[in-house]
């Protein structure tokens, strides 16, 4: 797999989903997480909680090289934030965006539909509790030049 995809997986598993590497807010009321390894730096910065918007940026040699924008919203009361984080920890090099295509635990189900590859993509993630959709999110991004 690409060096970028490998770095993204490490960064995502070492920040928000794992509740580690939180850093000072870069903008008023933002929640920021950062991870650095070799010549790569990752920054995830978002606003909100039940309805949230954010952006992940990867820098290589201190220049932006990849970005992903996301917007998500809780739509029912049985949403479980810890389940979302658990699903996000399942990210892998084949799909280094959010979670896997499918992840289930108990009565919760996480689904990701993605179009494109690491260089240019868009997708939708959903969480179901029993048969009810309780969360939906949208992502898009790719290589930055």
N, C-alpha and C. Protein backbone atom coordinates (compact mmCIF):
# COMPACT_ATOMS: atom_id res chain seq x y z
N UNK A 1 0.84 -1.20 0.00
CA UNK A 1 0.00 0.00 0.00
C UNK A 1 0.87 1.25 0.00
N UNK A 2 0.25 2.34 -0.34
CA UNK A 2 1.00 3.59 -0.43
C UNK A 2 1.44 4.06 0.95
N UNK A 3 2.52 4.81 0.94
CA UNK A 3 3.05 5.40 2.16
C UNK A 3 2.01 6.30 2.82
N UNK A 4 1.27 7.07 2.01
CA UNK A 4 0.23 7.95 2.53
C UNK A 4 -0.88 7.16 3.22
N UNK A 5 -1.35 6.09 2.59
CA UNK A 5 -2.42 5.27 3.18
C UNK A 5 -1.97 4.66 4.50
N UNK A 6 -0.76 4.16 4.56
CA UNK A 6 -0.22 3.59 5.80
C UNK A 6 -0.16 4.64 6.90
N UNK A 7 0.30 5.85 6.55
CA UNK A 7 0.37 6.92 7.53
C UNK A 7 -1.03 7.31 8.01
N UNK A 8 -1.98 7.44 7.08
CA UNK A 8 -3.35 7.81 7.46
C UNK A 8 -3.94 6.84 8.47
N UNK A 9 -3.75 5.55 8.24
CA UNK A 9 -4.29 4.54 9.16
C UNK A 9 -3.67 4.71 10.55
N UNK A 10 -2.37 4.87 10.62
CA UNK A 10 -1.71 5.07 11.92
C UNK A 10 -2.23 6.33 12.60
N UNK A 11 -2.34 7.40 11.84
CA UNK A 11 -2.80 8.68 12.41
C UNK A 11 -4.23 8.59 12.93
N UNK A 12 -5.11 7.99 12.15
CA UNK A 12 -6.51 7.88 12.56
C UNK A 12 -6.67 6.99 13.79
N UNK A 13 -5.87 5.93 13.87
CA UNK A 13 -5.94 5.04 15.03
C UNK A 13 -5.30 5.65 16.27
N UNK A 14 -4.53 6.72 16.10
CA UNK A 14 -3.83 7.34 17.23
C UNK A 14 -4.43 8.68 17.65
N UNK A 15 -5.63 9.01 17.14
CA UNK A 15 -6.19 10.33 17.47
C UNK A 15 -7.64 10.21 17.95
N UNK A 16 -8.57 10.84 17.30
CA UNK A 16 -9.96 10.95 17.77
C UNK A 16 -10.58 9.61 18.17
N UNK A 17 -10.52 8.63 17.29
CA UNK A 17 -11.18 7.35 17.56
C UNK A 17 -10.61 6.66 18.79
N UNK A 18 -9.35 6.93 19.08
CA UNK A 18 -8.68 6.32 20.23
C UNK A 18 -8.64 7.27 21.44
N UNK A 19 -9.24 8.45 21.27
CA UNK A 19 -9.31 9.47 22.33
C UNK A 19 -7.92 9.89 22.81
N UNK A 20 -6.96 9.98 21.87
CA UNK A 20 -5.60 10.39 22.23
C UNK A 20 -5.10 11.46 21.26
N UNK A 21 -4.02 12.12 21.66
CA UNK A 21 -3.35 13.15 20.86
C UNK A 21 -4.22 14.36 20.56
N UNK A 22 -5.07 14.73 21.53
CA UNK A 22 -5.84 15.97 21.40
C UNK A 22 -4.88 17.13 21.63
N UNK A 23 -5.01 18.16 20.82
CA UNK A 23 -4.13 19.33 20.92
C UNK A 23 -4.98 20.57 21.12
N UNK A 24 -4.33 21.69 21.39
CA UNK A 24 -5.05 22.95 21.57
C UNK A 24 -5.83 23.30 20.31
N UNK A 25 -6.96 23.95 20.51
CA UNK A 25 -7.81 24.36 19.39
C UNK A 25 -7.05 25.31 18.46
N UNK A 26 -7.15 25.05 17.17
CA UNK A 26 -6.51 25.93 16.20
C UNK A 26 -7.43 27.09 15.82
N UNK A 27 -8.75 26.90 16.08
CA UNK A 27 -9.74 27.93 15.81
C UNK A 27 -10.73 27.93 16.96
N UNK A 28 -11.44 29.00 17.15
CA UNK A 28 -12.37 29.14 18.26
C UNK A 28 -13.36 27.98 18.29
N UNK A 29 -13.38 27.25 19.41
CA UNK A 29 -14.28 26.13 19.69
C UNK A 29 -14.08 24.90 18.81
N UNK A 30 -12.93 24.79 18.17
CA UNK A 30 -12.66 23.56 17.40
C UNK A 30 -12.10 22.49 18.32
N UNK A 31 -12.28 21.24 17.92
CA UNK A 31 -11.69 20.09 18.59
C UNK A 31 -10.60 19.59 17.65
N UNK A 32 -9.36 19.58 18.12
CA UNK A 32 -8.24 19.26 17.24
C UNK A 32 -7.42 18.08 17.76
N UNK A 33 -6.99 17.25 16.82
CA UNK A 33 -6.14 16.09 17.11
C UNK A 33 -5.00 16.11 16.11
N UNK A 34 -3.81 15.73 16.57
CA UNK A 34 -2.66 15.75 15.68
C UNK A 34 -1.78 14.52 15.91
N UNK A 35 -1.12 14.11 14.84
CA UNK A 35 -0.21 12.96 14.88
C UNK A 35 0.91 13.23 13.90
N UNK A 36 2.12 12.86 14.30
CA UNK A 36 3.28 13.10 13.43
C UNK A 36 4.16 11.87 13.39
N UNK A 37 4.69 11.56 12.21
CA UNK A 37 5.62 10.45 12.05
C UNK A 37 6.49 10.74 10.84
N UNK A 38 7.79 10.64 11.05
CA UNK A 38 8.76 10.94 9.98
C UNK A 38 8.45 12.30 9.37
N UNK A 39 8.27 12.38 8.05
CA UNK A 39 8.03 13.67 7.41
C UNK A 39 6.54 13.97 7.20
N UNK A 40 5.66 13.20 7.86
CA UNK A 40 4.21 13.41 7.74
C UNK A 40 3.63 13.99 9.03
N UNK A 41 2.65 14.88 8.86
CA UNK A 41 1.87 15.41 9.98
C UNK A 41 0.40 15.35 9.61
N UNK A 42 -0.42 14.92 10.57
CA UNK A 42 -1.87 14.79 10.40
C UNK A 42 -2.55 15.73 11.37
N UNK A 43 -3.56 16.45 10.89
CA UNK A 43 -4.37 17.30 11.75
C UNK A 43 -5.84 17.07 11.44
N UNK A 44 -6.61 16.75 12.46
CA UNK A 44 -8.06 16.60 12.36
C UNK A 44 -8.66 17.70 13.20
N UNK A 45 -9.50 18.55 12.59
CA UNK A 45 -10.09 19.68 13.29
C UNK A 45 -11.58 19.72 12.96
N UNK A 46 -12.43 19.72 14.02
CA UNK A 46 -13.87 19.72 13.76
C UNK A 46 -14.60 20.57 14.78
N UNK A 47 -15.84 20.88 14.43
CA UNK A 47 -16.73 21.68 15.26
C UNK A 47 -18.01 20.92 15.50
N UNK A 48 -18.58 21.09 16.69
CA UNK A 48 -19.86 20.49 17.01
C UNK A 48 -19.72 19.11 17.62
N UNK A 49 -20.89 18.50 17.92
CA UNK A 49 -20.92 17.17 18.52
C UNK A 49 -22.04 16.34 17.88
N UNK A 50 -23.29 16.67 18.14
CA UNK A 50 -24.40 15.91 17.53
C UNK A 50 -24.49 16.20 16.03
N UNK A 51 -24.25 17.41 15.65
CA UNK A 51 -24.09 17.81 14.25
C UNK A 51 -22.69 18.40 14.18
N UNK A 52 -21.84 17.84 13.34
CA UNK A 52 -20.45 18.27 13.34
C UNK A 52 -19.89 18.38 11.93
N UNK A 53 -18.90 19.22 11.80
CA UNK A 53 -18.24 19.45 10.52
C UNK A 53 -16.74 19.55 10.77
N UNK A 54 -15.97 18.93 9.89
CA UNK A 54 -14.53 18.97 10.11
C UNK A 54 -13.72 18.70 8.87
N UNK A 55 -12.41 18.73 9.09
CA UNK A 55 -11.47 18.49 8.01
C UNK A 55 -10.22 17.82 8.56
N UNK A 56 -9.75 16.84 7.82
CA UNK A 56 -8.46 16.22 8.10
C UNK A 56 -7.49 16.69 7.02
N UNK A 57 -6.28 17.04 7.44
CA UNK A 57 -5.23 17.46 6.52
C UNK A 57 -3.99 16.64 6.81
N UNK A 58 -3.31 16.20 5.76
CA UNK A 58 -2.01 15.56 5.91
C UNK A 58 -0.98 16.46 5.22
N UNK A 59 0.09 16.72 5.95
CA UNK A 59 1.22 17.47 5.41
C UNK A 59 2.38 16.50 5.21
N UNK A 60 3.06 16.65 4.08
CA UNK A 60 4.30 15.91 3.85
C UNK A 60 5.38 16.96 3.65
N UNK A 61 6.43 16.86 4.44
CA UNK A 61 7.50 17.87 4.41
C UNK A 61 6.91 19.28 4.58
N UNK A 62 5.93 19.39 5.49
CA UNK A 62 5.29 20.65 5.87
C UNK A 62 4.46 21.29 4.77
N UNK A 63 4.12 20.53 3.72
CA UNK A 63 3.24 21.03 2.67
C UNK A 63 1.99 20.15 2.61
N UNK A 64 0.79 20.76 2.50
CA UNK A 64 -0.43 19.95 2.44
C UNK A 64 -0.40 19.02 1.22
N UNK A 65 -0.74 17.73 1.45
CA UNK A 65 -0.72 16.76 0.34
C UNK A 65 -2.02 15.98 0.22
N UNK A 66 -2.88 15.99 1.26
CA UNK A 66 -4.13 15.22 1.24
C UNK A 66 -5.11 15.88 2.19
N UNK A 67 -6.39 15.81 1.85
CA UNK A 67 -7.42 16.42 2.69
C UNK A 67 -8.72 15.62 2.58
N UNK A 68 -9.47 15.62 3.68
CA UNK A 68 -10.82 15.05 3.68
C UNK A 68 -11.73 15.97 4.49
N UNK A 69 -12.85 16.36 3.89
CA UNK A 69 -13.88 17.13 4.59
C UNK A 69 -14.98 16.17 5.01
N UNK A 70 -15.62 16.45 6.14
CA UNK A 70 -16.72 15.58 6.58
C UNK A 70 -17.78 16.37 7.32
N UNK A 71 -19.01 15.87 7.22
CA UNK A 71 -20.14 16.42 7.96
C UNK A 71 -20.99 15.25 8.42
N UNK A 72 -21.34 15.23 9.69
CA UNK A 72 -22.17 14.15 10.22
C UNK A 72 -23.22 14.70 11.15
N UNK A 73 -24.26 13.87 11.34
CA UNK A 73 -25.31 14.29 12.26
C UNK A 73 -25.99 13.08 12.89
N UNK A 74 -26.30 13.24 14.16
CA UNK A 74 -27.07 12.24 14.90
C UNK A 74 -28.53 12.51 14.58
N UNK A 75 -29.27 11.45 14.20
CA UNK A 75 -30.67 11.67 13.82
C UNK A 75 -31.67 10.93 14.70
N UNK A 76 -31.18 10.10 15.61
CA UNK A 76 -32.07 9.40 16.56
C UNK A 76 -31.36 9.28 17.90
N UNK A 77 -32.13 9.08 18.97
CA UNK A 77 -31.58 9.10 20.32
C UNK A 77 -30.72 7.89 20.68
N UNK A 78 -30.81 6.78 19.96
CA UNK A 78 -30.03 5.59 20.30
C UNK A 78 -28.62 5.60 19.71
N UNK A 79 -28.17 6.74 19.21
CA UNK A 79 -26.80 6.86 18.71
C UNK A 79 -25.82 6.57 19.84
N UNK A 80 -24.70 5.91 19.53
CA UNK A 80 -23.68 5.59 20.52
C UNK A 80 -22.33 6.05 19.98
N UNK A 81 -21.80 7.14 20.54
CA UNK A 81 -20.53 7.69 20.09
C UNK A 81 -19.36 6.73 20.26
N UNK A 82 -19.40 5.91 21.30
CA UNK A 82 -18.32 4.93 21.49
C UNK A 82 -18.34 3.86 20.39
N UNK A 83 -19.54 3.50 19.92
CA UNK A 83 -19.62 2.55 18.81
C UNK A 83 -19.02 3.17 17.54
N UNK A 84 -19.30 4.45 17.28
CA UNK A 84 -18.71 5.11 16.12
C UNK A 84 -17.19 5.09 16.22
N UNK A 85 -16.65 5.45 17.37
CA UNK A 85 -15.19 5.43 17.54
C UNK A 85 -14.63 4.03 17.32
N UNK A 86 -15.32 3.02 17.83
CA UNK A 86 -14.89 1.62 17.64
C UNK A 86 -14.87 1.26 16.16
N UNK A 87 -15.90 1.68 15.43
CA UNK A 87 -15.93 1.43 13.98
C UNK A 87 -14.79 2.15 13.28
N UNK A 88 -14.52 3.40 13.68
CA UNK A 88 -13.45 4.16 13.05
C UNK A 88 -12.07 3.54 13.30
N UNK A 89 -11.92 2.84 14.41
CA UNK A 89 -10.65 2.16 14.69
C UNK A 89 -10.41 0.97 13.76
N UNK A 90 -11.42 0.57 12.99
CA UNK A 90 -11.29 -0.55 12.05
C UNK A 90 -10.77 -0.08 10.69
N UNK A 91 -10.42 1.18 10.54
CA UNK A 91 -9.91 1.73 9.28
C UNK A 91 -8.70 0.91 8.82
N UNK A 92 -8.56 0.75 7.50
CA UNK A 92 -7.40 0.02 6.98
C UNK A 92 -6.85 0.71 5.73
N UNK A 93 -5.72 0.21 5.23
CA UNK A 93 -5.02 0.85 4.11
C UNK A 93 -5.82 0.79 2.81
N UNK A 94 -6.69 -0.19 2.66
CA UNK A 94 -7.50 -0.28 1.44
C UNK A 94 -8.51 0.86 1.36
N UNK A 95 -9.06 1.26 2.50
CA UNK A 95 -10.05 2.34 2.58
C UNK A 95 -9.66 3.28 3.73
N UNK A 96 -8.64 4.10 3.55
CA UNK A 96 -8.15 4.91 4.68
C UNK A 96 -8.93 6.20 4.91
N UNK A 97 -10.25 6.09 4.93
CA UNK A 97 -11.11 7.28 5.02
C UNK A 97 -11.74 7.43 6.40
N UNK A 98 -12.66 6.54 6.73
CA UNK A 98 -13.33 6.56 8.03
C UNK A 98 -13.25 5.15 8.59
N UNK A 99 -14.37 4.42 8.61
CA UNK A 99 -14.37 3.04 9.09
C UNK A 99 -14.35 2.05 7.92
N UNK A 100 -14.67 0.79 8.21
CA UNK A 100 -14.71 -0.23 7.14
C UNK A 100 -16.04 -0.15 6.38
N UNK A 101 -16.18 -0.93 5.35
CA UNK A 101 -17.44 -0.96 4.60
C UNK A 101 -18.58 -1.46 5.48
N UNK A 102 -18.25 -2.35 6.43
CA UNK A 102 -19.27 -2.99 7.27
C UNK A 102 -18.65 -3.31 8.62
N UNK A 103 -19.33 -2.93 9.70
CA UNK A 103 -18.88 -3.29 11.03
C UNK A 103 -20.13 -3.43 11.90
N UNK A 104 -20.22 -4.53 12.62
CA UNK A 104 -21.39 -4.76 13.46
C UNK A 104 -20.96 -5.23 14.84
N UNK A 105 -21.66 -4.72 15.84
CA UNK A 105 -21.46 -5.18 17.22
C UNK A 105 -22.79 -5.05 17.93
N UNK A 106 -23.27 -6.16 18.44
CA UNK A 106 -24.56 -6.15 19.12
C UNK A 106 -25.64 -5.68 18.18
N UNK A 107 -26.41 -4.70 18.62
CA UNK A 107 -27.53 -4.19 17.81
C UNK A 107 -27.13 -3.01 16.93
N UNK A 108 -25.83 -2.68 16.88
CA UNK A 108 -25.35 -1.56 16.08
C UNK A 108 -24.66 -2.04 14.82
N UNK A 109 -24.87 -1.30 13.74
CA UNK A 109 -24.28 -1.61 12.44
C UNK A 109 -23.74 -0.33 11.84
N UNK A 110 -22.47 -0.37 11.40
CA UNK A 110 -21.83 0.75 10.71
C UNK A 110 -21.65 0.36 9.25
N UNK A 111 -22.03 1.26 8.34
CA UNK A 111 -21.86 1.03 6.90
C UNK A 111 -21.17 2.22 6.27
N UNK A 112 -20.26 1.94 5.33
CA UNK A 112 -19.59 2.99 4.55
C UNK A 112 -19.75 2.65 3.08
N UNK A 113 -20.25 3.61 2.32
CA UNK A 113 -20.30 3.48 0.86
C UNK A 113 -19.35 4.53 0.31
N UNK A 114 -18.40 4.10 -0.50
CA UNK A 114 -17.36 5.00 -0.98
C UNK A 114 -17.22 4.89 -2.48
N UNK A 115 -16.98 5.99 -3.13
CA UNK A 115 -16.66 6.02 -4.56
C UNK A 115 -15.30 6.68 -4.70
N UNK A 116 -14.42 6.06 -5.50
CA UNK A 116 -13.12 6.64 -5.75
C UNK A 116 -12.03 5.97 -4.94
N UNK A 117 -10.86 6.54 -5.05
CA UNK A 117 -9.66 6.04 -4.37
C UNK A 117 -9.09 7.16 -3.51
N UNK A 118 -7.96 6.90 -2.89
CA UNK A 118 -7.36 7.85 -1.95
C UNK A 118 -7.09 9.22 -2.60
N UNK A 119 -6.89 9.26 -3.92
CA UNK A 119 -6.55 10.53 -4.57
C UNK A 119 -7.78 11.41 -4.85
N UNK A 120 -9.00 10.80 -4.93
CA UNK A 120 -10.22 11.56 -5.20
C UNK A 120 -11.41 10.68 -4.84
N UNK A 121 -12.18 11.06 -3.84
CA UNK A 121 -13.24 10.18 -3.35
C UNK A 121 -14.39 10.97 -2.73
N UNK A 122 -15.50 10.29 -2.58
CA UNK A 122 -16.63 10.80 -1.80
C UNK A 122 -17.37 9.59 -1.25
N UNK A 123 -18.05 9.80 -0.13
CA UNK A 123 -18.74 8.67 0.47
C UNK A 123 -19.77 9.08 1.50
N UNK A 124 -20.49 8.05 1.96
CA UNK A 124 -21.54 8.20 2.97
C UNK A 124 -21.33 7.12 4.02
N UNK A 125 -21.41 7.50 5.29
CA UNK A 125 -21.37 6.51 6.36
C UNK A 125 -22.68 6.59 7.13
N UNK A 126 -23.13 5.43 7.63
CA UNK A 126 -24.38 5.37 8.38
C UNK A 126 -24.22 4.42 9.55
N UNK A 127 -24.95 4.72 10.61
CA UNK A 127 -25.03 3.80 11.75
C UNK A 127 -26.50 3.49 11.98
N UNK A 128 -26.77 2.20 12.14
CA UNK A 128 -28.12 1.73 12.44
C UNK A 128 -28.12 1.11 13.83
N UNK A 129 -29.18 1.36 14.56
CA UNK A 129 -29.45 0.67 15.82
C UNK A 129 -30.69 -0.16 15.56
N UNK A 130 -30.56 -1.48 15.70
CA UNK A 130 -31.62 -2.40 15.29
C UNK A 130 -31.90 -2.13 13.81
N UNK A 131 -33.07 -1.66 13.46
CA UNK A 131 -33.36 -1.37 12.05
C UNK A 131 -33.47 0.13 11.79
N UNK A 132 -33.16 0.97 12.79
CA UNK A 132 -33.33 2.41 12.67
C UNK A 132 -32.00 3.10 12.40
N UNK A 133 -31.98 3.98 11.38
CA UNK A 133 -30.78 4.78 11.14
C UNK A 133 -30.70 5.84 12.22
N UNK A 134 -29.57 5.89 12.93
CA UNK A 134 -29.40 6.83 14.03
C UNK A 134 -28.33 7.89 13.74
N UNK A 135 -27.57 7.68 12.65
CA UNK A 135 -26.48 8.60 12.33
C UNK A 135 -26.20 8.54 10.83
N UNK A 136 -25.85 9.68 10.25
CA UNK A 136 -25.38 9.70 8.87
C UNK A 136 -24.29 10.75 8.74
N UNK A 137 -23.33 10.44 7.86
CA UNK A 137 -22.22 11.36 7.64
C UNK A 137 -21.77 11.30 6.19
N UNK A 138 -21.18 12.38 5.74
CA UNK A 138 -20.75 12.51 4.36
C UNK A 138 -19.28 12.91 4.34
N UNK A 139 -18.50 12.32 3.42
CA UNK A 139 -17.08 12.62 3.32
C UNK A 139 -16.72 12.88 1.86
N UNK A 140 -15.67 13.66 1.68
CA UNK A 140 -15.10 13.88 0.34
C UNK A 140 -13.67 14.35 0.51
N UNK A 141 -12.85 14.05 -0.48
CA UNK A 141 -11.50 14.54 -0.40
C UNK A 141 -10.58 13.94 -1.42
N UNK A 142 -9.29 14.08 -1.18
CA UNK A 142 -8.28 13.55 -2.08
C UNK A 142 -6.96 14.26 -1.96
N UNK A 143 -6.14 14.09 -2.97
CA UNK A 143 -4.81 14.66 -3.02
C UNK A 143 -4.90 16.17 -3.18
N UNK A 144 -4.02 16.89 -2.47
CA UNK A 144 -3.94 18.35 -2.56
C UNK A 144 -2.61 18.68 -3.23
N UNK A 145 -2.64 19.51 -4.27
CA UNK A 145 -1.41 19.94 -4.97
C UNK A 145 -1.36 21.45 -5.03
